[in-house]
Amino acid sequence: MIRDNLIARIAEAEREGWLGEVEGLKASLAGAEDKLAQGDALVKRQSIAVELGMPGVRQPAGTTEATRATP
């Protein structure tokens, strides 16, 4: 929406001959497009799943499975 609005305002400024306004709006449009690209890249990075596997169970130091199982 913001991008569409800026494009429409640039067209109006060009039609009316507001050259300074055109340059400012083009700079704003470039900034908006850059910000949208950053957001898209962030979403893409976050949607990549990473398999971490299941953690192992460690035995307390000095014990074995047999010594822990008996009271």
N, C-alpha and C. Protein backbone atom coordinates (compact mmCIF):
# COMPACT_ATOMS: atom_id res chain seq x y z
N MET A 1 0.81 -1.20 0.00
CA MET A 1 0.00 0.00 0.00
C MET A 1 0.86 1.27 0.00
N ILE A 2 1.85 1.30 0.86
CA ILE A 2 2.71 2.48 0.91
C ILE A 2 3.43 2.64 -0.42
N ARG A 3 3.89 1.51 -0.94
CA ARG A 3 4.60 1.55 -2.23
C ARG A 3 3.68 2.08 -3.33
N ASP A 4 2.46 1.57 -3.38
CA ASP A 4 1.48 2.02 -4.39
C ASP A 4 1.18 3.51 -4.24
N ASN A 5 1.06 3.98 -3.00
CA ASN A 5 0.79 5.38 -2.75
C ASN A 5 1.96 6.25 -3.24
N LEU A 6 3.18 5.81 -2.96
CA LEU A 6 4.34 6.59 -3.41
C LEU A 6 4.41 6.65 -4.93
N ILE A 7 4.11 5.54 -5.59
CA ILE A 7 4.13 5.52 -7.06
C ILE A 7 3.09 6.48 -7.61
N ALA A 8 1.91 6.50 -7.01
CA ALA A 8 0.85 7.41 -7.46
C ALA A 8 1.27 8.86 -7.23
N ARG A 9 1.89 9.14 -6.09
CA ARG A 9 2.33 10.51 -5.79
C ARG A 9 3.45 10.95 -6.72
N ILE A 10 4.33 10.02 -7.10
CA ILE A 10 5.39 10.35 -8.06
C ILE A 10 4.78 10.72 -9.40
N ALA A 11 3.80 9.93 -9.84
CA ALA A 11 3.13 10.22 -11.12
C ALA A 11 2.45 11.59 -11.08
N GLU A 12 1.80 11.90 -9.97
CA GLU A 12 1.15 13.21 -9.84
C GLU A 12 2.18 14.33 -9.87
N ALA A 13 3.27 14.16 -9.13
CA ALA A 13 4.31 15.19 -9.08
C ALA A 13 4.93 15.41 -10.46
N GLU A 14 5.12 14.32 -11.21
CA GLU A 14 5.67 14.46 -12.57
C GLU A 14 4.69 15.19 -13.47
N ARG A 15 3.41 14.86 -13.35
CA ARG A 15 2.36 15.52 -14.14
C ARG A 15 2.31 17.02 -13.86
N GLU A 16 2.47 17.36 -12.58
CA GLU A 16 2.37 18.76 -12.17
C GLU A 16 3.69 19.53 -12.33
N GLY A 17 4.77 18.80 -12.63
CA GLY A 17 6.05 19.47 -12.82
C GLY A 17 6.77 19.81 -11.51
N TRP A 18 6.46 19.10 -10.44
CA TRP A 18 7.09 19.34 -9.14
C TRP A 18 8.37 18.51 -9.05
N LEU A 19 9.42 18.99 -9.69
CA LEU A 19 10.64 18.20 -9.83
C LEU A 19 11.29 17.86 -8.49
N GLY A 20 11.33 18.82 -7.58
CA GLY A 20 11.91 18.55 -6.27
C GLY A 20 11.12 17.50 -5.51
N GLU A 21 9.83 17.56 -5.63
CA GLU A 21 8.96 16.59 -4.99
C GLU A 21 9.17 15.19 -5.57
N VAL A 22 9.36 15.14 -6.90
CA VAL A 22 9.59 13.85 -7.57
C VAL A 22 10.83 13.19 -7.00
N GLU A 23 11.91 13.95 -6.85
CA GLU A 23 13.16 13.37 -6.34
C GLU A 23 12.99 12.87 -4.90
N GLY A 24 12.31 13.64 -4.07
CA GLY A 24 12.09 13.21 -2.69
C GLY A 24 11.24 11.96 -2.60
N LEU A 25 10.20 11.90 -3.42
CA LEU A 25 9.33 10.73 -3.43
C LEU A 25 10.06 9.49 -3.95
N LYS A 26 10.92 9.68 -4.94
CA LYS A 26 11.70 8.55 -5.46
C LYS A 26 12.65 8.03 -4.40
N ALA A 27 13.22 8.92 -3.61
CA ALA A 27 14.09 8.49 -2.51
C ALA A 27 13.28 7.72 -1.47
N SER A 28 12.09 8.20 -1.17
CA SER A 28 11.22 7.50 -0.22
C SER A 28 10.82 6.13 -0.74
N LEU A 29 10.53 6.04 -2.03
CA LEU A 29 10.17 4.77 -2.65
C LEU A 29 11.33 3.79 -2.58
N ALA A 30 12.53 4.26 -2.87
CA ALA A 30 13.71 3.39 -2.79
C ALA A 30 13.90 2.87 -1.36
N GLY A 31 13.71 3.74 -0.37
CA GLY A 31 13.82 3.32 1.02
C GLY A 31 12.75 2.31 1.40
N ALA A 32 11.53 2.52 0.93
CA ALA A 32 10.44 1.59 1.23
C ALA A 32 10.69 0.23 0.59
N GLU A 33 11.17 0.23 -0.64
CA GLU A 33 11.46 -1.04 -1.32
C GLU A 33 12.60 -1.79 -0.64
N ASP A 34 13.60 -1.04 -0.17
CA ASP A 34 14.71 -1.65 0.56
C ASP A 34 14.19 -2.28 1.86
N LYS A 35 13.35 -1.58 2.57
CA LYS A 35 12.80 -2.09 3.83
C LYS A 35 11.95 -3.33 3.58
N LEU A 36 11.16 -3.33 2.52
CA LEU A 36 10.36 -4.51 2.18
C LEU A 36 11.25 -5.69 1.84
N ALA A 37 12.34 -5.45 1.12
CA ALA A 37 13.27 -6.53 0.79
C ALA A 37 13.92 -7.11 2.05
N GLN A 38 14.24 -6.24 3.01
CA GLN A 38 14.82 -6.71 4.27
C GLN A 38 13.81 -7.59 5.02
N GLY A 39 12.58 -7.17 5.04
CA GLY A 39 11.54 -7.95 5.71
C GLY A 39 11.33 -9.30 5.04
N ASP A 40 11.33 -9.32 3.71
CA ASP A 40 11.18 -10.58 2.98
C ASP A 40 12.34 -11.52 3.28
N ALA A 41 13.56 -10.97 3.32
CA ALA A 41 14.74 -11.79 3.62
C ALA A 41 14.66 -12.36 5.04
N LEU A 42 14.18 -11.56 5.98
CA LEU A 42 14.05 -12.02 7.36
C LEU A 42 13.04 -13.16 7.46
N VAL A 43 11.90 -13.02 6.79
CA VAL A 43 10.89 -14.07 6.80
C VAL A 43 11.44 -15.35 6.18
N LYS A 44 12.18 -15.19 5.11
CA LYS A 44 12.76 -16.36 4.43
C LYS A 44 13.75 -17.07 5.36
N ARG A 45 14.60 -16.33 6.06
CA ARG A 45 15.57 -16.94 6.97
C ARG A 45 14.86 -17.65 8.13
N GLN A 46 13.79 -17.06 8.63
CA GLN A 46 13.09 -17.63 9.77
C GLN A 46 12.27 -18.86 9.40
N SER A 47 11.94 -19.01 8.14
CA SER A 47 11.11 -20.14 7.74
C SER A 47 11.93 -21.39 7.44
N ILE A 48 13.24 -21.30 7.49
CA ILE A 48 14.10 -22.45 7.25
C ILE A 48 14.25 -23.22 8.55
N ALA A 49 13.79 -24.47 8.56
CA ALA A 49 13.86 -25.30 9.77
C ALA A 49 15.26 -25.89 9.90
N VAL A 50 15.72 -25.96 11.12
CA VAL A 50 17.02 -26.55 11.42
C VAL A 50 16.80 -27.76 12.30
N GLU A 51 17.28 -28.91 11.87
CA GLU A 51 17.14 -30.14 12.65
C GLU A 51 18.26 -30.18 13.68
N LEU A 52 17.87 -30.15 14.95
CA LEU A 52 18.85 -30.18 16.03
C LEU A 52 19.04 -31.58 16.60
N GLY A 53 18.16 -32.50 16.29
CA GLY A 53 18.27 -33.86 16.82
C GLY A 53 17.77 -33.93 18.25
N MET A 54 17.78 -35.13 18.77
CA MET A 54 17.36 -35.36 20.16
C MET A 54 18.58 -35.32 21.06
N PRO A 55 18.48 -34.64 22.19
CA PRO A 55 19.62 -34.62 23.10
C PRO A 55 19.79 -35.97 23.78
N GLY A 56 21.02 -36.32 24.09
CA GLY A 56 21.30 -37.57 24.79
C GLY A 56 21.12 -37.38 26.29
N VAL A 57 20.99 -38.48 27.01
CA VAL A 57 20.86 -38.45 28.46
C VAL A 57 22.20 -38.83 29.05
N ARG A 58 22.75 -37.99 29.87
CA ARG A 58 24.04 -38.27 30.50
C ARG A 58 23.84 -38.91 31.86
N GLN A 59 24.76 -39.81 32.21
CA GLN A 59 24.75 -40.43 33.53
C GLN A 59 25.52 -39.54 34.49
N PRO A 60 25.06 -39.42 35.73
CA PRO A 60 25.84 -38.66 36.72
C PRO A 60 27.22 -39.29 36.90
N ALA A 61 28.20 -38.49 37.18
CA ALA A 61 29.58 -38.97 37.33
C ALA A 61 29.64 -40.04 38.41
N GLY A 62 30.37 -41.11 38.13
CA GLY A 62 30.59 -42.18 39.09
C GLY A 62 29.46 -43.19 39.17
N THR A 63 28.46 -43.10 38.33
CA THR A 63 27.37 -44.07 38.37
C THR A 63 27.30 -44.79 37.03
N THR A 64 26.68 -45.94 37.07
CA THR A 64 26.39 -46.68 35.83
C THR A 64 24.91 -46.98 35.83
N GLU A 65 24.43 -47.48 34.77
CA GLU A 65 23.01 -47.82 34.67
C GLU A 65 22.65 -48.85 35.74
N ALA A 66 23.51 -49.82 35.99
CA ALA A 66 23.23 -50.88 36.96
C ALA A 66 23.17 -50.33 38.38
N THR A 67 24.07 -49.42 38.75
CA THR A 67 24.06 -48.89 40.13
C THR A 67 22.90 -47.95 40.37
N ARG A 68 22.43 -47.28 39.36
CA ARG A 68 21.29 -46.40 39.53
C ARG A 68 19.98 -47.17 39.65
N ALA A 69 19.89 -48.32 39.01
CA ALA A 69 18.64 -49.08 38.97
C ALA A 69 18.35 -49.77 40.30
N THR A 70 19.37 -50.06 41.11
CA THR A 70 19.13 -50.74 42.38
C THR A 70 19.07 -49.75 43.52
N PRO A 71 18.08 -49.95 44.43
CA PRO A 71 17.94 -49.01 45.57
C PRO A 71 19.00 -49.17 46.62
